[in-house]
Amino acid sequence: MRPGPRNLITDVAGLRVGNAQDDALKSGVTVLVADEPFAAAVHVMGGAPGTRETDLLAPDRLVGAVDALVLAGGSAFGLAACDGVMAGLVAAGRGFAVGAARVPIVPGAIVFDLLNGGDKGWRDNPYPALGRAALMAAGSDFAVGTAGAGTGAMTGWLKGGLGSASAVLDNGATVAALVVVNALGSPTVGDGRQFWAAPWELDGEFGGLGLPCTFPAAHEPPPMKRQGEATTIAIVATDAALDKAGLQRLATAAHDGMARALVPSHTPLDGDLVFAVSTGARPLADPVADAFGLGHAAACVLARAIARGVHAARPARGDLQPCWADL
């Protein structure tokens, strides 16, 4: 397993990501899109999720593919970012055909960043415009850290952010992750600089510090955010040909990566969820062995992406938490 050429989710050929943010708002939107609709599924592990159109992703639902996925700040207000993405896709002639009508399928998920020090006194909801701007900005390269939906993200004690990572497997398949790290838990061990995700780090991508000699095993962490203020939302992607049922299993396995990188995770106060997508470009040579390897890789890349998002965060005016880079 090695990182892809960009170490981003766009190492899965055909996928593009766009960011848009408002620095005064301390919030933003990140959109994943492709030239053609792609298969998707979702698995929710947190106790306080905020989502849109996720019921469509169940294996027994009619719609077999989506046009885009949206990750946004803004709590429930941020779900309106999907409206802006839909408008942009309609303008491009995209969407599920119903007679002469086109209805873009755009599931989304949000994090709570309403109390992060940004100016939230808007008159009109800013998220539809941010969603459309993120769609228009979609490309192969994009910023991580304090960018897009991770602009105002926080963790238990460090500033969070937008993270991404990729891996090319020995069988040639690519697996990658995109994540907004806004967790109740901590990405680092104790109050130090070493990441919980260190065992899965590749090529020193988030500092190369390894793990400490001892762990705070007996520590009982208190919830450092209030109810509804925490969530980590992610997308794992692959070029391996998986149907919606296979993708739901991939999303389930990927949650292991969240637990490896954030302590604690999947709490009643987090809305943790993982989308899984496939471009379908690479048939499975061995449905059992390949699915096994993809699930393990998905957990690894998600853990790495979480650490990379926190590692890349940068200070901004009005921040309520320090950045990892400032420790």
C-alpha atoms as a PDB file:
ATOM      1  CA  MET A   1       0.000   0.000   0.000  1.00  0.00           C
ATOM      2  CA  ARG A   2       1.417   3.373  -1.005  1.00  0.00           C
ATOM      3  CA  PRO A   3      -0.016   6.889  -1.304  1.00  0.00           C
ATOM      4  CA  GLY A   4      -1.392   7.964  -4.653  1.00  0.00           C
ATOM      5  CA  PRO A   5       0.355  10.738  -6.625  1.00  0.00           C
ATOM      6  CA  ARG A   6      -1.594  13.566  -4.940  1.00  0.00           C
ATOM      7  CA  ASN A   7      -2.430  11.784  -1.673  1.00  0.00           C
ATOM      8  CA  LEU A   8      -5.960  13.110  -2.163  1.00  0.00           C
ATOM      9  CA  ILE A   9      -9.340  11.524  -2.857  1.00  0.00           C
ATOM     10  CA  THR A  10      -8.974  12.719  -6.463  1.00  0.00           C
ATOM     11  CA  ASP A  11      -6.359   9.996  -6.972  1.00  0.00           C
ATOM     12  CA  VAL A  12      -9.470   7.926  -7.730  1.00  0.00           C
ATOM     13  CA  ALA A  13      -9.607   8.766 -11.425  1.00  0.00           C
ATOM     14  CA  GLY A  14     -12.695  10.712 -12.484  1.00  0.00           C
ATOM     15  CA  LEU A  15     -13.441  12.317  -9.114  1.00  0.00           C
ATOM     16  CA  ARG A  16     -13.141  16.061  -8.518  1.00  0.00           C
ATOM     17  CA  VAL A  17     -13.412  18.119  -5.329  1.00  0.00           C
ATOM     18  CA  GLY A  18     -14.266  21.790  -4.889  1.00  0.00           C
ATOM     19  CA  ASN A  19     -14.032  24.031  -1.831  1.00  0.00           C
ATOM     20  CA  ALA A  20     -15.698  27.316  -1.009  1.00  0.00           C
ATOM     21  CA  GLN A  21     -15.484  29.163   2.279  1.00  0.00           C
ATOM     22  CA  ASP A  22     -16.192  32.474   3.962  1.00  0.00           C
ATOM     23  CA  ASP A  23     -13.396  33.381   6.360  1.00  0.00           C
ATOM     24  CA  ALA A  24     -15.526  35.854   8.320  1.00  0.00           C
ATOM     25  CA  LEU A  25     -18.245  33.223   8.668  1.00  0.00           C
ATOM     26  CA  LYS A  26     -15.592  30.634   9.607  1.00  0.00           C
ATOM     27  CA  SER A  27     -17.442  28.026   7.607  1.00  0.00           C
ATOM     28  CA  GLY A  28     -17.663  26.565   4.145  1.00  0.00           C
ATOM     29  CA  VAL A  29     -18.638  23.753   1.810  1.00  0.00           C
ATOM     30  CA  THR A  30     -16.801  20.913   0.087  1.00  0.00           C
ATOM     31  CA  VAL A  31     -18.302  19.081  -2.916  1.00  0.00           C
ATOM     32  CA  LEU A  32     -17.310  15.761  -4.474  1.00  0.00           C
ATOM     33  CA  VAL A  33     -18.421  15.352  -8.089  1.00  0.00           C
ATOM     34  CA  ALA A  34     -17.554  13.347 -11.199  1.00  0.00           C
ATOM     35  CA  ASP A  35     -18.231  13.619 -14.903  1.00  0.00           C
ATOM     36  CA  GLU A  36     -20.820  10.852 -14.637  1.00  0.00           C
ATOM     37  CA  PRO A  37     -23.123   9.734 -11.797  1.00  0.00           C
ATOM     38  CA  PHE A  38     -21.450   7.351  -9.363  1.00  0.00           C
ATOM     39  CA  ALA A  39     -22.632   4.641  -6.990  1.00  0.00           C
ATOM     40  CA  ALA A  40     -22.805   5.643  -3.319  1.00  0.00           C
ATOM     41  CA  ALA A  41     -23.828   4.351   0.098  1.00  0.00           C
ATOM     42  CA  VAL A  42     -23.661   5.624   3.680  1.00  0.00           C
ATOM     43  CA  HIS A  43     -23.228   4.334   7.213  1.00  0.00           C
ATOM     44  CA  VAL A  44     -23.952   6.397  10.334  1.00  0.00           C
ATOM     45  CA  MET A  45     -22.315   5.615  13.681  1.00  0.00           C
ATOM     46  CA  GLY A  46     -22.723   8.861  15.619  1.00  0.00           C
ATOM     47  CA  GLY A  47     -25.715   9.709  17.761  1.00  0.00           C
ATOM     48  CA  ALA A  48     -26.418  13.191  16.354  1.00  0.00           C
ATOM     49  CA  PRO A  49     -26.202  13.179  12.532  1.00  0.00           C
ATOM     50  CA  GLY A  50     -27.374  15.911  10.172  1.00  0.00           C
ATOM     51  CA  THR A  51     -28.081  14.626   6.659  1.00  0.00           C
ATOM     52  CA  ARG A  52     -30.008  15.071   3.440  1.00  0.00           C
ATOM     53  CA  GLU A  53     -31.132  12.432   0.902  1.00  0.00           C
ATOM     54  CA  THR A  54     -29.249   9.637   2.653  1.00  0.00           C
ATOM     55  CA  ASP A  55     -32.274   7.304   2.611  1.00  0.00           C
ATOM     56  CA  LEU A  56     -31.834   7.077  -1.168  1.00  0.00           C
ATOM     57  CA  LEU A  57     -28.467   5.401  -0.660  1.00  0.00           C
ATOM     58  CA  ALA A  58     -29.818   2.219   0.932  1.00  0.00           C
ATOM     59  CA  PRO A  59     -29.200  -0.844  -1.252  1.00  0.00           C
ATOM     60  CA  ASP A  60     -32.928  -1.433  -1.820  1.00  0.00           C
ATOM     61  CA  ARG A  61     -33.733   2.113  -3.015  1.00  0.00           C
ATOM     62  CA  LEU A  62     -34.518   2.994  -6.635  1.00  0.00           C
ATOM     63  CA  VAL A  63     -31.720   5.465  -7.352  1.00  0.00           C
ATOM     64  CA  GLY A  64     -28.540   3.632  -8.278  1.00  0.00           C
ATOM     65  CA  ALA A  65     -26.150   6.581  -8.529  1.00  0.00           C
ATOM     66  CA  VAL A  66     -25.715  10.154  -7.335  1.00  0.00           C
ATOM     67  CA  ASP A  67     -24.496  13.291  -9.082  1.00  0.00           C
ATOM     68  CA  ALA A  68     -22.540  14.800  -6.182  1.00  0.00           C
ATOM     69  CA  LEU A  69     -21.952  14.575  -2.447  1.00  0.00           C
ATOM     70  CA  VAL A  70     -21.850  17.631  -0.183  1.00  0.00           C
ATOM     71  CA  LEU A  71     -20.002  18.156   3.103  1.00  0.00           C
ATOM     72  CA  ALA A  72     -20.846  21.458   4.794  1.00  0.00           C
ATOM     73  CA  GLY A  73     -20.574  23.489   7.955  1.00  0.00           C
ATOM     74  CA  GLY A  74     -23.514  25.413   9.323  1.00  0.00           C
ATOM     75  CA  SER A  75     -25.407  22.696  11.144  1.00  0.00           C
ATOM     76  CA  ALA A  76     -28.916  22.316   9.651  1.00  0.00           C
ATOM     77  CA  PHE A  77     -28.504  25.595   7.749  1.00  0.00           C
ATOM     78  CA  GLY A  78     -25.625  23.993   5.847  1.00  0.00           C
ATOM     79  CA  LEU A  79     -27.879  21.371   4.300  1.00  0.00           C
ATOM     80  CA  ALA A  80     -29.059  24.163   1.986  1.00  0.00           C
ATOM     81  CA  ALA A  81     -25.641  23.945   0.296  1.00  0.00           C
ATOM     82  CA  CYS A  82     -27.131  20.994  -1.601  1.00  0.00           C
ATOM     83  CA  ASP A  83     -29.625  23.434  -3.188  1.00  0.00           C
ATOM     84  CA  GLY A  84     -26.778  25.434  -4.702  1.00  0.00           C
ATOM     85  CA  VAL A  85     -25.079  22.295  -5.971  1.00  0.00           C
ATOM     86  CA  MET A  86     -28.348  21.090  -7.503  1.00  0.00           C
ATOM     87  CA  ALA A  87     -28.797  24.435  -9.270  1.00  0.00           C
ATOM     88  CA  GLY A  88     -25.322  24.216 -10.746  1.00  0.00           C
ATOM     89  CA  LEU A  89     -25.861  20.651 -11.904  1.00  0.00           C
ATOM     90  CA  VAL A  90     -29.213  21.507 -13.530  1.00  0.00           C
ATOM     91  CA  ALA A  91     -27.493  24.320 -15.401  1.00  0.00           C
ATOM     92  CA  ALA A  92     -25.014  21.732 -16.681  1.00  0.00           C
ATOM     93  CA  GLY A  93     -27.815  19.399 -17.801  1.00  0.00           C
ATOM     94  CA  ARG A  94     -27.158  16.872 -15.044  1.00  0.00           C
ATOM     95  CA  GLY A  95     -29.707  14.931 -13.010  1.00  0.00           C
ATOM     96  CA  PHE A  96     -31.935  11.872 -12.728  1.00  0.00           C
ATOM     97  CA  ALA A  97     -34.246  11.851 -15.745  1.00  0.00           C
ATOM     98  CA  VAL A  98     -37.981  11.887 -14.971  1.00  0.00           C
ATOM     99  CA  GLY A  99     -39.622  12.453 -18.313  1.00  0.00           C
ATOM    100  CA  ALA A 100     -38.431  15.818 -19.557  1.00  0.00           C
ATOM    101  CA  ALA A 101     -37.332  16.867 -16.052  1.00  0.00           C
ATOM    102  CA  ARG A 102     -33.890  16.475 -14.547  1.00  0.00           C
ATOM    103  CA  VAL A 103     -33.464  16.061 -10.790  1.00  0.00           C
ATOM    104  CA  PRO A 104     -29.850  16.017  -9.572  1.00  0.00           C
ATOM    105  CA  ILE A 105     -29.309  13.541  -6.741  1.00  0.00           C
ATOM    106  CA  VAL A 106     -27.160  15.333  -4.157  1.00  0.00           C
ATOM    107  CA  PRO A 107     -26.952  13.762  -0.691  1.00  0.00           C
ATOM    108  CA  GLY A 108     -25.195  15.793   1.960  1.00  0.00           C
ATOM    109  CA  ALA A 109     -24.062  15.906   5.570  1.00  0.00           C
ATOM    110  CA  ILE A 110     -23.192  18.754   7.922  1.00  0.00           C
ATOM    111  CA  VAL A 111     -21.044  19.581  10.927  1.00  0.00           C
ATOM    112  CA  PHE A 112     -21.907  22.013  13.700  1.00  0.00           C
ATOM    113  CA  ASP A 113     -19.664  25.103  13.557  1.00  0.00           C
ATOM    114  CA  LEU A 114     -22.110  27.803  14.692  1.00  0.00           C
ATOM    115  CA  LEU A 115     -20.185  28.580  17.904  1.00  0.00           C
ATOM    116  CA  ASN A 116     -16.632  28.706  16.544  1.00  0.00           C
ATOM    117  CA  GLY A 117     -16.041  32.464  16.698  1.00  0.00           C
ATOM    118  CA  GLY A 118     -17.241  33.304  13.185  1.00  0.00           C
ATOM    119  CA  ASP A 119     -19.821  35.923  12.234  1.00  0.00           C
ATOM    120  CA  LYS A 120     -23.104  33.997  11.990  1.00  0.00           C
ATOM    121  CA  GLY A 121     -25.407  37.050  11.837  1.00  0.00           C
ATOM    122  CA  TRP A 122     -26.493  36.537   8.217  1.00  0.00           C
ATOM    123  CA  ARG A 123     -29.806  37.772   6.837  1.00  0.00           C
ATOM    124  CA  ASP A 124     -29.951  35.216   4.032  1.00  0.00           C
ATOM    125  CA  ASN A 125     -28.617  31.683   4.357  1.00  0.00           C
ATOM    126  CA  PRO A 126     -25.116  31.767   2.766  1.00  0.00           C
ATOM    127  CA  TYR A 127     -24.821  28.044   2.143  1.00  0.00           C
ATOM    128  CA  PRO A 128     -26.629  27.698  -1.218  1.00  0.00           C
ATOM    129  CA  ALA A 129     -24.164  30.180  -2.759  1.00  0.00           C
ATOM    130  CA  LEU A 130     -21.220  28.456  -1.091  1.00  0.00           C
ATOM    131  CA  GLY A 131     -22.427  25.099  -2.409  1.00  0.00           C
ATOM    132  CA  ARG A 132     -22.641  26.336  -5.971  1.00  0.00           C
ATOM    133  CA  ALA A 133     -19.240  28.036  -5.697  1.00  0.00           C
ATOM    134  CA  ALA A 134     -17.688  24.804  -4.406  1.00  0.00           C
ATOM    135  CA  LEU A 135     -19.171  22.882  -7.345  1.00  0.00           C
ATOM    136  CA  MET A 136     -17.798  25.423  -9.814  1.00  0.00           C
ATOM    137  CA  ALA A 137     -14.351  25.143  -8.189  1.00  0.00           C
ATOM    138  CA  ALA A 138     -14.185  21.346  -8.436  1.00  0.00           C
ATOM    139  CA  GLY A 139     -10.931  19.977  -9.776  1.00  0.00           C
ATOM    140  CA  SER A 140      -8.198  17.410  -9.210  1.00  0.00           C
ATOM    141  CA  ASP A 141      -6.242  19.537  -6.739  1.00  0.00           C
ATOM    142  CA  PHE A 142      -7.751  21.203  -3.694  1.00  0.00           C
ATOM    143  CA  ALA A 143      -6.660  22.609  -0.357  1.00  0.00           C
ATOM    144  CA  VAL A 144      -6.805  20.682   2.923  1.00  0.00           C
ATOM    145  CA  GLY A 145      -6.704  21.971   6.474  1.00  0.00           C
ATOM    146  CA  THR A 146      -8.507  25.270   7.000  1.00  0.00           C
ATOM    147  CA  ALA A 147     -10.499  25.072   3.786  1.00  0.00           C
ATOM    148  CA  GLY A 148     -13.971  24.251   2.497  1.00  0.00           C
ATOM    149  CA  ALA A 149     -16.219  22.542   5.009  1.00  0.00           C
ATOM    150  CA  GLY A 150     -13.262  22.309   7.399  1.00  0.00           C
ATOM    151  CA  THR A 151     -12.741  26.075   7.603  1.00  0.00           C
ATOM    152  CA  GLY A 152     -14.212  26.420  11.078  1.00  0.00           C
ATOM    153  CA  ALA A 153     -13.908  22.850  12.308  1.00  0.00           C
ATOM    154  CA  MET A 154     -12.765  22.117  15.867  1.00  0.00           C
ATOM    155  CA  THR A 155     -11.924  18.998  17.868  1.00  0.00           C
ATOM    156  CA  GLY A 156     -11.831  18.322  21.588  1.00  0.00           C
ATOM    157  CA  TRP A 157      -8.962  20.776  22.046  1.00  0.00           C
ATOM    158  CA  LEU A 158      -7.259  21.461  18.692  1.00  0.00           C
ATOM    159  CA  LYS A 159      -8.486  23.193  15.583  1.00  0.00           C
ATOM    160  CA  GLY A 160      -9.858  20.658  13.103  1.00  0.00           C
ATOM    161  CA  GLY A 161      -9.987  20.852   9.335  1.00  0.00           C
ATOM    162  CA  LEU A 162     -10.509  19.206   5.971  1.00  0.00           C
ATOM    163  CA  GLY A 163      -8.359  16.144   5.381  1.00  0.00           C
ATOM    164  CA  SER A 164      -7.710  13.739   2.547  1.00  0.00           C
ATOM    165  CA  ALA A 165      -5.459  10.755   1.815  1.00  0.00           C
ATOM    166  CA  SER A 166      -5.169   7.959  -0.721  1.00  0.00           C
ATOM    167  CA  ALA A 167      -3.645   4.522  -1.155  1.00  0.00           C
ATOM    168  CA  VAL A 168      -2.837   2.388  -4.176  1.00  0.00           C
ATOM    169  CA  LEU A 169      -3.129  -1.298  -3.294  1.00  0.00           C
ATOM    170  CA  ASP A 170      -0.962  -4.142  -4.542  1.00  0.00           C
ATOM    171  CA  ASN A 171      -3.797  -5.264  -6.836  1.00  0.00           C
ATOM    172  CA  GLY A 172      -3.827  -1.823  -8.502  1.00  0.00           C
ATOM    173  CA  ALA A 173      -7.052  -0.545  -6.941  1.00  0.00           C
ATOM    174  CA  THR A 174      -7.116   2.938  -5.413  1.00  0.00           C
ATOM    175  CA  VAL A 175      -8.878   3.747  -2.137  1.00  0.00           C
ATOM    176  CA  ALA A 176      -9.046   7.288  -0.766  1.00  0.00           C
ATOM    177  CA  ALA A 177     -10.782   9.440   1.834  1.00  0.00           C
ATOM    178  CA  LEU A 178     -12.069  12.973   2.320  1.00  0.00           C
ATOM    179  CA  VAL A 179     -13.085  14.106   5.811  1.00  0.00           C
ATOM    180  CA  VAL A 180     -14.233  17.098   7.848  1.00  0.00           C
ATOM    181  CA  VAL A 181     -12.723  16.716  11.324  1.00  0.00           C
ATOM    182  CA  ASN A 182     -15.015  18.428  13.836  1.00  0.00           C
ATOM    183  CA  ALA A 183     -14.947  15.802  16.563  1.00  0.00           C
ATOM    184  CA  LEU A 184     -15.715  15.806  20.257  1.00  0.00           C
ATOM    185  CA  GLY A 185     -12.687  13.576  20.718  1.00  0.00           C
ATOM    186  CA  SER A 186      -8.995  14.365  20.357  1.00  0.00           C
ATOM    187  CA  PRO A 187      -6.784  13.553  17.345  1.00  0.00           C
ATOM    188  CA  THR A 188      -3.631  13.567  19.475  1.00  0.00           C
ATOM    189  CA  VAL A 189      -2.459  11.488  22.436  1.00  0.00           C
ATOM    190  CA  GLY A 190      -2.972  13.447  25.650  1.00  0.00           C
ATOM    191  CA  ASP A 191      -1.918  17.071  25.251  1.00  0.00           C
ATOM    192  CA  GLY A 192       1.000  16.284  22.959  1.00  0.00           C
ATOM    193  CA  ARG A 193       1.691  16.519  19.221  1.00  0.00           C
ATOM    194  CA  GLN A 194       1.635  12.790  18.420  1.00  0.00           C
ATOM    195  CA  PHE A 195      -1.385  11.590  16.491  1.00  0.00           C
ATOM    196  CA  TRP A 196      -3.451   8.544  17.438  1.00  0.00           C
ATOM    197  CA  ALA A 197      -3.328   7.704  13.695  1.00  0.00           C
ATOM    198  CA  ALA A 198       0.478   7.416  13.722  1.00  0.00           C
ATOM    199  CA  PRO A 199       0.637   3.613  13.138  1.00  0.00           C
ATOM    200  CA  TRP A 200      -0.990   4.112   9.729  1.00  0.00           C
ATOM    201  CA  GLU A 201       1.051   7.135   8.612  1.00  0.00           C
ATOM    202  CA  LEU A 202       2.821   6.897   5.252  1.00  0.00           C
ATOM    203  CA  ASP A 203       5.886   8.896   4.261  1.00  0.00           C
ATOM    204  CA  GLY A 204       5.725  11.301   7.213  1.00  0.00           C
ATOM    205  CA  GLU A 205       2.531  12.863   5.862  1.00  0.00           C
ATOM    206  CA  PHE A 206       1.513  14.362   9.225  1.00  0.00           C
ATOM    207  CA  GLY A 207       4.815  14.948  10.940  1.00  0.00           C
ATOM    208  CA  GLY A 208       6.312  11.474  11.287  1.00  0.00           C
ATOM    209  CA  LEU A 209       6.365  11.680  15.090  1.00  0.00           C
ATOM    210  CA  GLY A 210       5.195   8.143  15.783  1.00  0.00           C
ATOM    211  CA  LEU A 211       3.489   7.204  19.058  1.00  0.00           C
ATOM    212  CA  PRO A 212       4.520   8.008  22.639  1.00  0.00           C
ATOM    213  CA  CYS A 213       5.999   5.288  24.845  1.00  0.00           C
ATOM    214  CA  THR A 214       2.994   5.307  27.160  1.00  0.00           C
ATOM    215  CA  PHE A 215      -0.723   5.938  26.696  1.00  0.00           C
ATOM    216  CA  PRO A 216      -3.302   7.565  28.990  1.00  0.00           C
ATOM    217  CA  ALA A 217      -5.172   4.271  29.160  1.00  0.00           C
ATOM    218  CA  ALA A 218      -6.923   5.017  32.459  1.00  0.00           C
ATOM    219  CA  HIS A 219      -7.969   8.516  31.438  1.00  0.00           C
ATOM    220  CA  GLU A 220     -11.738   9.097  31.267  1.00  0.00           C
ATOM    221  CA  PRO A 221     -12.193  12.018  28.889  1.00  0.00           C
ATOM    222  CA  PRO A 222     -15.055  14.425  29.621  1.00  0.00           C
ATOM    223  CA  PRO A 223     -17.169  15.755  26.728  1.00  0.00           C
ATOM    224  CA  MET A 224     -15.343  18.996  25.915  1.00  0.00           C
ATOM    225  CA  LYS A 225     -18.082  20.220  23.602  1.00  0.00           C
ATOM    226  CA  ARG A 226     -21.770  20.556  24.270  1.00  0.00           C
ATOM    227  CA  GLN A 227     -24.402  18.299  22.705  1.00  0.00           C
ATOM    228  CA  GLY A 228     -24.786  18.954  18.974  1.00  0.00           C
ATOM    229  CA  GLU A 229     -21.427  20.708  18.559  1.00  0.00           C
ATOM    230  CA  ALA A 230     -19.429  17.742  17.270  1.00  0.00           C
ATOM    231  CA  THR A 231     -19.377  15.587  14.143  1.00  0.00           C
ATOM    232  CA  THR A 232     -16.846  13.999  11.817  1.00  0.00           C
ATOM    233  CA  ILE A 233     -18.168  13.396   8.312  1.00  0.00           C
ATOM    234  CA  ALA A 234     -16.250  11.556   5.620  1.00  0.00           C
ATOM    235  CA  ILE A 235     -16.287  10.101   2.130  1.00  0.00           C
ATOM    236  CA  VAL A 236     -14.261   7.029   1.165  1.00  0.00           C
ATOM    237  CA  ALA A 237     -13.896   6.337  -2.540  1.00  0.00           C
ATOM    238  CA  THR A 238     -12.526   3.632  -4.780  1.00  0.00           C
ATOM    239  CA  ASP A 239     -12.228   2.765  -8.452  1.00  0.00           C
ATOM    240  CA  ALA A 240     -13.060  -0.862  -7.594  1.00  0.00           C
ATOM    241  CA  ALA A 241     -16.458  -1.913  -8.945  1.00  0.00           C
ATOM    242  CA  LEU A 242     -18.740  -2.171  -5.907  1.00  0.00           C
ATOM    243  CA  ASP A 243     -22.529  -2.040  -5.868  1.00  0.00           C
ATOM    244  CA  LYS A 244     -24.490  -0.172  -3.188  1.00  0.00           C
ATOM    245  CA  ALA A 245     -24.432  -3.144  -0.820  1.00  0.00           C
ATOM    246  CA  GLY A 246     -20.676  -3.499  -1.203  1.00  0.00           C
ATOM    247  CA  LEU A 247     -20.234   0.227  -0.669  1.00  0.00           C
ATOM    248  CA  GLN A 248     -22.312   0.151   2.494  1.00  0.00           C
ATOM    249  CA  ARG A 249     -19.979  -2.543   3.829  1.00  0.00           C
ATOM    250  CA  LEU A 250     -16.985  -0.396   2.778  1.00  0.00           C
ATOM    251  CA  ALA A 251     -18.399   2.599   4.672  1.00  0.00           C
ATOM    252  CA  THR A 252     -18.959   0.409   7.741  1.00  0.00           C
ATOM    253  CA  ALA A 253     -15.359  -0.827   7.679  1.00  0.00           C
ATOM    254  CA  ALA A 254     -14.051   2.710   7.182  1.00  0.00           C
ATOM    255  CA  HIS A 255     -15.502   3.750  10.544  1.00  0.00           C
ATOM    256  CA  ASP A 256     -12.651   1.756  12.125  1.00  0.00           C
ATOM    257  CA  GLY A 257     -10.333   4.459  10.814  1.00  0.00           C
ATOM    258  CA  MET A 258     -12.304   7.128  12.640  1.00  0.00           C
ATOM    259  CA  ALA A 259     -11.942   5.200  15.894  1.00  0.00           C
ATOM    260  CA  ARG A 260      -8.195   4.797  15.296  1.00  0.00           C
ATOM    261  CA  ALA A 261      -7.672   8.540  14.779  1.00  0.00           C
ATOM    262  CA  LEU A 262     -10.084  10.193  17.256  1.00  0.00           C
ATOM    263  CA  VAL A 263     -10.437   9.317  20.933  1.00  0.00           C
ATOM    264  CA  PRO A 264     -13.239   8.981  21.812  1.00  0.00           C
ATOM    265  CA  SER A 265     -15.298   8.652  18.627  1.00  0.00           C
ATOM    266  CA  HIS A 266     -18.848   7.594  17.691  1.00  0.00           C
ATOM    267  CA  THR A 267     -20.216   9.169  20.858  1.00  0.00           C
ATOM    268  CA  PRO A 268     -23.887  10.055  21.470  1.00  0.00           C
ATOM    269  CA  LEU A 269     -22.875  13.700  20.948  1.00  0.00           C
ATOM    270  CA  ASP A 270     -21.185  13.211  17.552  1.00  0.00           C
ATOM    271  CA  GLY A 271     -22.952  12.784  14.226  1.00  0.00           C
ATOM    272  CA  ASP A 272     -20.217  10.611  12.723  1.00  0.00           C
ATOM    273  CA  LEU A 273     -20.957   9.190   9.288  1.00  0.00           C
ATOM    274  CA  VAL A 274     -19.125   7.846   6.257  1.00  0.00           C
ATOM    275  CA  PHE A 275     -20.257   7.937   2.643  1.00  0.00           C
ATOM    276  CA  ALA A 276     -18.674   5.391   0.285  1.00  0.00           C
ATOM    277  CA  VAL A 277     -18.491   5.857  -3.485  1.00  0.00           C
ATOM    278  CA  SER A 278     -17.243   3.882  -6.463  1.00  0.00           C
ATOM    279  CA  THR A 279     -16.468   4.915 -10.014  1.00  0.00           C
ATOM    280  CA  GLY A 280     -16.708   1.243 -11.032  1.00  0.00           C
ATOM    281  CA  ALA A 281     -13.670   1.463 -13.313  1.00  0.00           C
ATOM    282  CA  ARG A 282     -11.846  -1.626 -11.993  1.00  0.00           C
ATOM    283  CA  PRO A 283     -13.651  -5.012 -11.817  1.00  0.00           C
ATOM    284  CA  LEU A 284     -12.977  -7.166  -8.773  1.00  0.00           C
ATOM    285  CA  ALA A 285     -10.682 -10.090  -9.576  1.00  0.00           C
ATOM    286  CA  ASP A 286     -11.686 -11.912  -6.382  1.00  0.00           C
ATOM    287  CA  PRO A 287     -14.931 -10.608  -4.808  1.00  0.00           C
ATOM    288  CA  VAL A 288     -14.056 -11.995  -1.358  1.00  0.00           C
ATOM    289  CA  ALA A 289     -10.347 -11.192  -1.089  1.00  0.00           C
ATOM    290  CA  ASP A 290     -10.652  -7.823  -2.837  1.00  0.00           C
ATOM    291  CA  ALA A 291     -13.568  -6.700  -0.652  1.00  0.00           C
ATOM    292  CA  PHE A 292     -11.553  -7.719   2.438  1.00  0.00           C
ATOM    293  CA  GLY A 293      -8.566  -5.643   1.306  1.00  0.00           C
ATOM    294  CA  LEU A 294     -10.682  -2.638   0.340  1.00  0.00           C
ATOM    295  CA  GLY A 295     -12.300  -2.480   3.779  1.00  0.00           C
ATOM    296  CA  HIS A 296      -8.931  -2.533   5.543  1.00  0.00           C
ATOM    297  CA  ALA A 297      -7.550   0.116   3.181  1.00  0.00           C
ATOM    298  CA  ALA A 298     -10.592   2.349   3.693  1.00  0.00           C
ATOM    299  CA  ALA A 299     -10.056   2.348   7.467  1.00  0.00           C
ATOM    300  CA  CYS A 300      -6.356   3.133   7.014  1.00  0.00           C
ATOM    301  CA  VAL A 301      -6.850   6.034   4.604  1.00  0.00           C
ATOM    302  CA  LEU A 302      -9.608   7.561   6.733  1.00  0.00           C
ATOM    303  CA  ALA A 303      -7.370   7.529   9.828  1.00  0.00           C
ATOM    304  CA  ARG A 304      -4.608   9.182   7.803  1.00  0.00           C
ATOM    305  CA  ALA A 305      -6.976  11.756   6.297  1.00  0.00           C
ATOM    306  CA  ILE A 306      -8.194  12.765   9.768  1.00  0.00           C
ATOM    307  CA  ALA A 307      -4.662  13.370  11.011  1.00  0.00           C
ATOM    308  CA  ARG A 308      -3.738  15.238   7.818  1.00  0.00           C
ATOM    309  CA  GLY A 309      -6.715  17.572   8.212  1.00  0.00           C
ATOM    310  CA  VAL A 310      -5.673  18.556  11.740  1.00  0.00           C
ATOM    311  CA  HIS A 311      -1.981  18.702  10.788  1.00  0.00           C
ATOM    312  CA  ALA A 312      -2.736  21.119   7.916  1.00  0.00           C
ATOM    313  CA  ALA A 313      -4.994  23.491   9.897  1.00  0.00           C
ATOM    314  CA  ARG A 314      -3.744  27.072  10.076  1.00  0.00           C
ATOM    315  CA  PRO A 315      -4.575  29.912  12.479  1.00  0.00           C
ATOM    316  CA  ALA A 316      -7.187  32.496  11.582  1.00  0.00           C
ATOM    317  CA  ARG A 317      -8.577  35.579  13.229  1.00  0.00           C
ATOM    318  CA  GLY A 318     -11.037  34.801  16.012  1.00  0.00           C
ATOM    319  CA  ASP A 319      -9.998  31.158  16.506  1.00  0.00           C
ATOM    320  CA  LEU A 320     -11.122  29.570  19.763  1.00  0.00           C
ATOM    321  CA  GLN A 321      -8.581  26.726  19.658  1.00  0.00           C
ATOM    322  CA  PRO A 322      -4.882  26.379  18.850  1.00  0.00           C
ATOM    323  CA  CYS A 323      -3.626  24.709  15.685  1.00  0.00           C
ATOM    324  CA  TRP A 324      -1.488  21.594  15.793  1.00  0.00           C
ATOM    325  CA  ALA A 325       1.214  23.581  13.952  1.00  0.00           C
ATOM    326  CA  ASP A 326       1.405  26.035  16.861  1.00  0.00           C
ATOM    327  CA  LEU A 327       2.074  23.415  19.546  1.00  0.00           C
END
